[in-house]
Structures are given as C-alpha cells and as structure tokens.
Amino acid sequence: MNSLAGKSVRFDDQYLHVELGDGRIISTPINWYPHLKKAPLNQLARWKFICNKTGIEWPNLDYHLSIASMLEGLPKKAAA
C-alpha cells in the first residue's frame, strides 16, 4: 500500500484533514486552497480519491489536490 494513500477526507471551518491508510492525519489550512475555501459545504462533501488514492478530486468544482502537495507545506497561489 502506498504510504500516501488516503482513507478519508473531512473539513472544519479552518482545516482540510486527510486520514491516510497508515493512520496518520494530515491537516492543512483551508485558506491554502482558495477555490475550496469559497465552495459551499455541500460541494466540498462531494470529493473522491483519484490516482490510487494519492489525490483528491472535487468533480463538481473541477479541482484536484495531491496528498503529496499537502505534505510540502506550501499554499497554492491564487490565480491572478
């Protein structure tokens, strides 16, 4: 099993949390992802794992996020 394979995704008002298959939980500030921050909760809840569970996709938002990028600790730049 890939050590970056996701098991679950959840949100609160400040963070995006991803539980990995090995039991670790990665939490990053939702502010790092402006596209997700402005989306309604009902759309955020419609995610699915992609790429052997190493990425997360929100098809209705046309947004993709790799778990590896969350670990890099760098916020995504907002589009100009």
PDB file of N, CA and C in Angstrom:
ATOM      1  N   MET A   1       0.840  -1.198   0.000  1.00  0.00           N
ATOM      2  CA  MET A   1       0.000   0.000   0.000  1.00  0.00           C
ATOM      3  C   MET A   1       0.873   1.246   0.000  1.00  0.00           C
ATOM      4  N   ASN A   2       0.522   2.210  -0.812  1.00  0.00           N
ATOM      5  CA  ASN A   2       1.227   3.482  -0.874  1.00  0.00           C
ATOM      6  C   ASN A   2       1.046   4.220   0.448  1.00  0.00           C
ATOM      7  N   SER A   3       2.155   4.730   1.015  1.00  0.00           N
ATOM      8  CA  SER A   3       2.068   5.413   2.314  1.00  0.00           C
ATOM      9  C   SER A   3       1.289   6.721   2.237  1.00  0.00           C
ATOM     10  N   LEU A   4       1.063   7.240   1.027  1.00  0.00           N
ATOM     11  CA  LEU A   4       0.281   8.460   0.872  1.00  0.00           C
ATOM     12  C   LEU A   4      -1.139   8.193   0.404  1.00  0.00           C
ATOM     13  N   ALA A   5      -1.574   6.961   0.508  1.00  0.00           N
ATOM     14  CA  ALA A   5      -2.937   6.622   0.102  1.00  0.00           C
ATOM     15  C   ALA A   5      -3.929   7.150   1.133  1.00  0.00           C
ATOM     16  N   GLY A   6      -4.913   7.887   0.659  1.00  0.00           N
ATOM     17  CA  GLY A   6      -5.920   8.452   1.540  1.00  0.00           C
ATOM     18  C   GLY A   6      -6.960   7.436   1.959  1.00  0.00           C
ATOM     19  N   LYS A   7      -7.518   7.669   3.121  1.00  0.00           N
ATOM     20  CA  LYS A   7      -8.590   6.824   3.656  1.00  0.00           C
ATOM     21  C   LYS A   7      -9.884   7.621   3.806  1.00  0.00           C
ATOM     22  N   SER A   8      -9.769   8.885   4.255  1.00  0.00           N
ATOM     23  CA  SER A   8     -10.950   9.734   4.408  1.00  0.00           C
ATOM     24  C   SER A   8     -10.545  11.197   4.332  1.00  0.00           C
ATOM     25  N   VAL A   9     -11.537  12.038   4.059  1.00  0.00           N
ATOM     26  CA  VAL A   9     -11.349  13.487   3.958  1.00  0.00           C
ATOM     27  C   VAL A   9     -12.446  14.152   4.771  1.00  0.00           C
ATOM     28  N   ARG A  10     -12.078  15.183   5.517  1.00  0.00           N
ATOM     29  CA  ARG A  10     -13.091  15.959   6.225  1.00  0.00           C
ATOM     30  C   ARG A  10     -12.616  17.402   6.333  1.00  0.00           C
ATOM     31  N   PHE A  11     -13.552  18.283   6.614  1.00  0.00           N
ATOM     32  CA  PHE A  11     -13.292  19.714   6.706  1.00  0.00           C
ATOM     33  C   PHE A  11     -13.850  20.240   8.012  1.00  0.00           C
ATOM     34  N   ASP A  12     -13.251  21.310   8.489  1.00  0.00           N
ATOM     35  CA  ASP A  12     -13.897  22.136   9.502  1.00  0.00           C
ATOM     36  C   ASP A  12     -13.744  23.571   9.014  1.00  0.00           C
ATOM     37  N   ASP A  13     -14.051  24.538   9.823  1.00  0.00           N
ATOM     38  CA  ASP A  13     -14.028  25.920   9.331  1.00  0.00           C
ATOM     39  C   ASP A  13     -12.621  26.459   9.090  1.00  0.00           C
ATOM     40  N   GLN A  14     -11.592  25.730   9.532  1.00  0.00           N
ATOM     41  CA  GLN A  14     -10.220  26.207   9.358  1.00  0.00           C
ATOM     42  C   GLN A  14      -9.304  25.266   8.586  1.00  0.00           C
ATOM     43  N   TYR A  15      -9.603  23.963   8.575  1.00  0.00           N
ATOM     44  CA  TYR A  15      -8.653  22.990   8.039  1.00  0.00           C
ATOM     45  C   TYR A  15      -9.286  21.963   7.119  1.00  0.00           C
ATOM     46  N   LEU A  16      -8.451  21.453   6.207  1.00  0.00           N
ATOM     47  CA  LEU A  16      -8.734  20.277   5.412  1.00  0.00           C
ATOM     48  C   LEU A  16      -7.955  19.148   6.073  1.00  0.00           C
ATOM     49  N   HIS A  17      -8.616  18.073   6.443  1.00  0.00           N
ATOM     50  CA  HIS A  17      -7.995  16.931   7.122  1.00  0.00           C
ATOM     51  C   HIS A  17      -8.084  15.711   6.212  1.00  0.00           C
ATOM     52  N   VAL A  18      -6.960  15.031   6.034  1.00  0.00           N
ATOM     53  CA  VAL A  18      -6.939  13.799   5.262  1.00  0.00           C
ATOM     54  C   VAL A  18      -6.327  12.713   6.135  1.00  0.00           C
ATOM     55  N   GLU A  19      -7.103  11.649   6.349  1.00  0.00           N
ATOM     56  CA  GLU A  19      -6.579  10.491   7.071  1.00  0.00           C
ATOM     57  C   GLU A  19      -5.965   9.550   6.047  1.00  0.00           C
ATOM     58  N   LEU A  20      -4.734   9.125   6.321  1.00  0.00           N
ATOM     59  CA  LEU A  20      -4.039   8.205   5.444  1.00  0.00           C
ATOM     60  C   LEU A  20      -4.304   6.768   5.864  1.00  0.00           C
ATOM     61  N   GLY A  21      -4.065   5.864   4.957  1.00  0.00           N
ATOM     62  CA  GLY A  21      -4.292   4.456   5.225  1.00  0.00           C
ATOM     63  C   GLY A  21      -3.445   3.914   6.369  1.00  0.00           C
ATOM     64  N   ASP A  22      -2.303   4.552   6.649  1.00  0.00           N
ATOM     65  CA  ASP A  22      -1.437   4.088   7.736  1.00  0.00           C
ATOM     66  C   ASP A  22      -1.797   4.713   9.080  1.00  0.00           C
ATOM     67  N   GLY A  23      -2.881   5.504   9.122  1.00  0.00           N
ATOM     68  CA  GLY A  23      -3.348   6.072  10.384  1.00  0.00           C
ATOM     69  C   GLY A  23      -2.959   7.517  10.625  1.00  0.00           C
ATOM     70  N   ARG A  24      -2.016   8.051   9.854  1.00  0.00           N
ATOM     71  CA  ARG A  24      -1.649   9.462  10.030  1.00  0.00           C
ATOM     72  C   ARG A  24      -2.790  10.348   9.543  1.00  0.00           C
ATOM     73  N   ILE A  25      -2.862  11.545  10.101  1.00  0.00           N
ATOM     74  CA  ILE A  25      -3.813  12.557   9.651  1.00  0.00           C
ATOM     75  C   ILE A  25      -3.023  13.801   9.281  1.00  0.00           C
ATOM     76  N   ILE A  26      -3.240  14.268   8.063  1.00  0.00           N
ATOM     77  CA  ILE A  26      -2.615  15.493   7.574  1.00  0.00           C
ATOM     78  C   ILE A  26      -3.678  16.579   7.616  1.00  0.00           C
ATOM     79  N   SER A  27      -3.337  17.712   8.209  1.00  0.00           N
ATOM     80  CA  SER A  27      -4.257  18.850   8.262  1.00  0.00           C
ATOM     81  C   SER A  27      -3.548  20.064   7.698  1.00  0.00           C
ATOM     82  N   THR A  28      -4.185  20.718   6.742  1.00  0.00           N
ATOM     83  CA  THR A  28      -3.642  21.942   6.179  1.00  0.00           C
ATOM     84  C   THR A  28      -4.721  23.022   6.229  1.00  0.00           C
ATOM     85  N   PRO A  29      -4.306  24.281   6.367  1.00  0.00           N
ATOM     86  CA  PRO A  29      -5.287  25.365   6.427  1.00  0.00           C
ATOM     87  C   PRO A  29      -6.125  25.437   5.150  1.00  0.00           C
ATOM     88  N   ILE A  30      -7.413  25.546   5.296  1.00  0.00           N
ATOM     89  CA  ILE A  30      -8.296  25.651   4.136  1.00  0.00           C
ATOM     90  C   ILE A  30      -7.988  26.928   3.345  1.00  0.00           C
ATOM     91  N   ASN A  31      -7.418  27.928   4.001  1.00  0.00           N
ATOM     92  CA  ASN A  31      -7.018  29.167   3.318  1.00  0.00           C
ATOM     93  C   ASN A  31      -5.978  28.916   2.228  1.00  0.00           C
ATOM     94  N   TRP A  32      -5.266  27.800   2.308  1.00  0.00           N
ATOM     95  CA  TRP A  32      -4.273  27.466   1.291  1.00  0.00           C
ATOM     96  C   TRP A  32      -4.923  27.148  -0.047  1.00  0.00           C
ATOM     97  N   TYR A  33      -6.204  26.838  -0.033  1.00  0.00           N
ATOM     98  CA  TYR A  33      -6.917  26.406  -1.231  1.00  0.00           C
ATOM     99  C   TYR A  33      -8.110  27.331  -1.471  1.00  0.00           C
ATOM    100  N   PRO A  34      -7.874  28.513  -2.035  1.00  0.00           N
ATOM    101  CA  PRO A  34      -8.951  29.499  -2.192  1.00  0.00           C
ATOM    102  C   PRO A  34     -10.180  28.948  -2.917  1.00  0.00           C
ATOM    103  N   HIS A  35      -9.947  28.073  -3.878  1.00  0.00           N
ATOM    104  CA  HIS A  35     -11.070  27.501  -4.623  1.00  0.00           C
ATOM    105  C   HIS A  35     -11.970  26.669  -3.700  1.00  0.00           C
ATOM    106  N   LEU A  36     -11.353  25.938  -2.784  1.00  0.00           N
ATOM    107  CA  LEU A  36     -12.132  25.133  -1.832  1.00  0.00           C
ATOM    108  C   LEU A  36     -12.742  26.008  -0.750  1.00  0.00           C
ATOM    109  N   LYS A  37     -11.998  27.004  -0.307  1.00  0.00           N
ATOM    110  CA  LYS A  37     -12.494  27.866   0.784  1.00  0.00           C
ATOM    111  C   LYS A  37     -13.796  28.556   0.411  1.00  0.00           C
ATOM    112  N   LYS A  38     -13.935  28.960  -0.853  1.00  0.00           N
ATOM    113  CA  LYS A  38     -15.142  29.680  -1.243  1.00  0.00           C
ATOM    114  C   LYS A  38     -16.288  28.751  -1.653  1.00  0.00           C
ATOM    115  N   ALA A  39     -16.028  27.445  -1.723  1.00  0.00           N
ATOM    116  CA  ALA A  39     -17.074  26.494  -2.133  1.00  0.00           C
ATOM    117  C   ALA A  39     -18.019  26.198  -0.971  1.00  0.00           C
ATOM    118  N   PRO A  40     -19.297  25.998  -1.254  1.00  0.00           N
ATOM    119  CA  PRO A  40     -20.251  25.623  -0.210  1.00  0.00           C
ATOM    120  C   PRO A  40     -19.940  24.222   0.333  1.00  0.00           C
ATOM    121  N   LEU A  41     -20.302  23.996   1.581  1.00  0.00           N
ATOM    122  CA  LEU A  41     -20.013  22.704   2.226  1.00  0.00           C
ATOM    123  C   LEU A  41     -20.600  21.518   1.466  1.00  0.00           C
ATOM    124  N   ASN A  42     -21.783  21.678   0.888  1.00  0.00           N
ATOM    125  CA  ASN A  42     -22.379  20.558   0.163  1.00  0.00           C
ATOM    126  C   ASN A  42     -21.539  20.174  -1.055  1.00  0.00           C
ATOM    127  N   GLN A  43     -20.825  21.133  -1.658  1.00  0.00           N
ATOM    128  CA  GLN A  43     -19.931  20.807  -2.770  1.00  0.00           C
ATOM    129  C   GLN A  43     -18.611  20.227  -2.268  1.00  0.00           C
ATOM    130  N   LEU A  44     -18.115  20.719  -1.147  1.00  0.00           N
ATOM    131  CA  LEU A  44     -16.891  20.159  -0.570  1.00  0.00           C
ATOM    132  C   LEU A  44     -17.066  18.689  -0.199  1.00  0.00           C
ATOM    133  N   ALA A  45     -18.260  18.332   0.184  1.00  0.00           N
ATOM    134  CA  ALA A  45     -18.531  16.949   0.597  1.00  0.00           C
ATOM    135  C   ALA A  45     -18.523  15.971  -0.574  1.00  0.00           C
ATOM    136  N   ARG A  46     -18.535  16.470  -1.788  1.00  0.00           N
ATOM    137  CA  ARG A  46     -18.579  15.610  -2.977  1.00  0.00           C
ATOM    138  C   ARG A  46     -17.183  15.385  -3.548  1.00  0.00           C
ATOM    139  N   TRP A  47     -16.306  14.823  -2.775  1.00  0.00           N
ATOM    140  CA  TRP A  47     -14.947  14.529  -3.190  1.00  0.00           C
ATOM    141  C   TRP A  47     -14.814  13.039  -3.502  1.00  0.00           C
ATOM    142  N   LYS A  48     -13.727  12.692  -4.194  1.00  0.00           N
ATOM    143  CA  LYS A  48     -13.393  11.279  -4.390  1.00  0.00           C
ATOM    144  C   LYS A  48     -11.881  11.176  -4.528  1.00  0.00           C
ATOM    145  N   PHE A  49     -11.362  10.015  -4.141  1.00  0.00           N
ATOM    146  CA  PHE A  49      -9.936   9.781  -4.307  1.00  0.00           C
ATOM    147  C   PHE A  49      -9.650   9.419  -5.753  1.00  0.00           C
ATOM    148  N   ILE A  50      -8.485   9.862  -6.231  1.00  0.00           N
ATOM    149  CA  ILE A  50      -8.025   9.548  -7.578  1.00  0.00           C
ATOM    150  C   ILE A  50      -6.563   9.103  -7.501  1.00  0.00           C
ATOM    151  N   CYS A  51      -6.032   8.598  -8.593  1.00  0.00           N
ATOM    152  CA  CYS A  51      -4.610   8.241  -8.700  1.00  0.00           C
ATOM    153  C   CYS A  51      -4.185   7.288  -7.581  1.00  0.00           C
ATOM    154  N   ASN A  52      -4.865   6.151  -7.496  1.00  0.00           N
ATOM    155  CA  ASN A  52      -4.563   5.157  -6.449  1.00  0.00           C
ATOM    156  C   ASN A  52      -4.648   5.745  -5.050  1.00  0.00           C
ATOM    157  N   LYS A  53      -5.608   6.626  -4.859  1.00  0.00           N
ATOM    158  CA  LYS A  53      -5.905   7.275  -3.570  1.00  0.00           C
ATOM    159  C   LYS A  53      -4.819   8.237  -3.103  1.00  0.00           C
ATOM    160  N   THR A  54      -3.953   8.705  -4.016  1.00  0.00           N
ATOM    161  CA  THR A  54      -2.930   9.685  -3.650  1.00  0.00           C
ATOM    162  C   THR A  54      -3.335  11.109  -4.004  1.00  0.00           C
ATOM    163  N   GLY A  55      -4.525  11.254  -4.557  1.00  0.00           N
ATOM    164  CA  GLY A  55      -5.050  12.570  -4.896  1.00  0.00           C
ATOM    165  C   GLY A  55      -6.528  12.640  -4.561  1.00  0.00           C
ATOM    166  N   ILE A  56      -7.024  13.855  -4.469  1.00  0.00           N
ATOM    167  CA  ILE A  56      -8.433  14.101  -4.164  1.00  0.00           C
ATOM    168  C   ILE A  56      -8.995  14.952  -5.294  1.00  0.00           C
ATOM    169  N   GLU A  57     -10.177  14.600  -5.736  1.00  0.00           N
ATOM    170  CA  GLU A  57     -10.844  15.351  -6.794  1.00  0.00           C
ATOM    171  C   GLU A  57     -12.220  15.787  -6.317  1.00  0.00           C
ATOM    172  N   TRP A  58     -12.572  17.013  -6.658  1.00  0.00           N
ATOM    173  CA  TRP A  58     -13.919  17.533  -6.480  1.00  0.00           C
ATOM    174  C   TRP A  58     -14.455  17.746  -7.886  1.00  0.00           C
ATOM    175  N   PRO A  59     -15.100  16.730  -8.481  1.00  0.00           N
ATOM    176  CA  PRO A  59     -15.531  16.836  -9.879  1.00  0.00           C
ATOM    177  C   PRO A  59     -16.451  18.027 -10.142  1.00  0.00           C
ATOM    178  N   ASN A  60     -17.349  18.312  -9.209  1.00  0.00           N
ATOM    179  CA  ASN A  60     -18.288  19.412  -9.412  1.00  0.00           C
ATOM    180  C   ASN A  60     -17.608  20.780  -9.319  1.00  0.00           C
ATOM    181  N   LEU A  61     -16.402  20.828  -8.744  1.00  0.00           N
ATOM    182  CA  LEU A  61     -15.642  22.072  -8.653  1.00  0.00           C
ATOM    183  C   LEU A  61     -14.504  22.120  -9.670  1.00  0.00           C
ATOM    184  N   ASP A  62     -14.284  20.998 -10.388  1.00  0.00           N
ATOM    185  CA  ASP A  62     -13.167  20.864 -11.311  1.00  0.00           C
ATOM    186  C   ASP A  62     -11.852  21.202 -10.603  1.00  0.00           C
ATOM    187  N   TYR A  63     -11.637  20.561  -9.445  1.00  0.00           N
ATOM    188  CA  TYR A  63     -10.468  20.835  -8.613  1.00  0.00           C
ATOM    189  C   TYR A  63      -9.816  19.524  -8.202  1.00  0.00           C
ATOM    190  N   HIS A  64      -8.472  19.513  -8.264  1.00  0.00           N
ATOM    191  CA  HIS A  64      -7.695  18.328  -7.901  1.00  0.00           C
ATOM    192  C   HIS A  64      -6.597  18.735  -6.925  1.00  0.00           C
ATOM    193  N   LEU A  65      -6.290  17.857  -5.987  1.00  0.00           N
ATOM    194  CA  LEU A  65      -5.259  18.127  -4.995  1.00  0.00           C
ATOM    195  C   LEU A  65      -4.518  16.837  -4.708  1.00  0.00           C
ATOM    196  N   SER A  66      -3.191  16.878  -4.763  1.00  0.00           N
ATOM    197  CA  SER A  66      -2.420  15.688  -4.418  1.00  0.00           C
ATOM    198  C   SER A  66      -2.093  15.706  -2.929  1.00  0.00           C
ATOM    199  N   ILE A  67      -2.106  14.541  -2.331  1.00  0.00           N
ATOM    200  CA  ILE A  67      -1.766  14.431  -0.915  1.00  0.00           C
ATOM    201  C   ILE A  67      -0.304  14.819  -0.709  1.00  0.00           C
ATOM    202  N   ALA A  68       0.560  14.482  -1.663  1.00  0.00           N
ATOM    203  CA  ALA A  68       1.975  14.860  -1.563  1.00  0.00           C
ATOM    204  C   ALA A  68       2.130  16.374  -1.466  1.00  0.00           C
ATOM    205  N   SER A  69       1.315  17.135  -2.212  1.00  0.00           N
ATOM    206  CA  SER A  69       1.422  18.592  -2.157  1.00  0.00           C
ATOM    207  C   SER A  69       1.015  19.133  -0.787  1.00  0.00           C
ATOM    208  N   MET A  70       0.102  18.442  -0.116  1.00  0.00           N
ATOM    209  CA  MET A  70      -0.274  18.859   1.231  1.00  0.00           C
ATOM    210  C   MET A  70       0.914  18.731   2.176  1.00  0.00           C
ATOM    211  N   LEU A  71       1.718  17.693   1.977  1.00  0.00           N
ATOM    212  CA  LEU A  71       2.879  17.465   2.833  1.00  0.00           C
ATOM    213  C   LEU A  71       4.016  18.445   2.568  1.00  0.00           C
ATOM    214  N   GLU A  72       4.045  19.036   1.380  1.00  0.00           N
ATOM    215  CA  GLU A  72       5.091  20.003   1.058  1.00  0.00           C
ATOM    216  C   GLU A  72       4.976  21.265   1.903  1.00  0.00           C
ATOM    217  N   GLY A  73       3.777  21.541   2.418  1.00  0.00           N
ATOM    218  CA  GLY A  73       3.605  22.677   3.304  1.00  0.00           C
ATOM    219  C   GLY A  73       3.580  24.022   2.616  1.00  0.00           C
ATOM    220  N   LEU A  74       3.304  24.035   1.330  1.00  0.00           N
ATOM    221  CA  LEU A  74       3.262  25.299   0.600  1.00  0.00           C
ATOM    222  C   LEU A  74       1.844  25.570   0.121  1.00  0.00           C
ATOM    223  N   PRO A  75       1.291  26.716   0.466  1.00  0.00           N
ATOM    224  CA  PRO A  75      -0.057  27.031  -0.006  1.00  0.00           C
ATOM    225  C   PRO A  75      -0.076  27.213  -1.519  1.00  0.00           C
ATOM    226  N   LYS A  76      -1.205  26.886  -2.133  1.00  0.00           N
ATOM    227  CA  LYS A  76      -1.364  27.132  -3.564  1.00  0.00           C
ATOM    228  C   LYS A  76      -1.515  28.622  -3.788  1.00  0.00           C
ATOM    229  N   LYS A  77      -0.952  29.097  -4.864  1.00  0.00           N
ATOM    230  CA  LYS A  77      -1.088  30.512  -5.223  1.00  0.00           C
ATOM    231  C   LYS A  77      -2.464  30.742  -5.827  1.00  0.00           C
ATOM    232  N   ALA A  78      -3.095  31.800  -5.427  1.00  0.00           N
ATOM    233  CA  ALA A  78      -4.375  32.183  -6.015  1.00  0.00           C
ATOM    234  C   ALA A  78      -4.135  32.674  -7.431  1.00  0.00           C
ATOM    235  N   ALA A  79      -5.046  32.350  -8.321  1.00  0.00           N
ATOM    236  CA  ALA A  79      -4.923  32.815  -9.707  1.00  0.00           C
ATOM    237  C   ALA A  79      -5.100  34.327  -9.753  1.00  0.00           C
ATOM    238  N   ALA A  80      -4.300  34.953 -10.573  1.00  0.00           N
ATOM    239  CA  ALA A  80      -4.342  36.426 -10.688  1.00  0.00           C
ATOM    240  C   ALA A  80      -5.500  36.858 -11.562  1.00  0.00           C
TER     241      ALA A  80
END
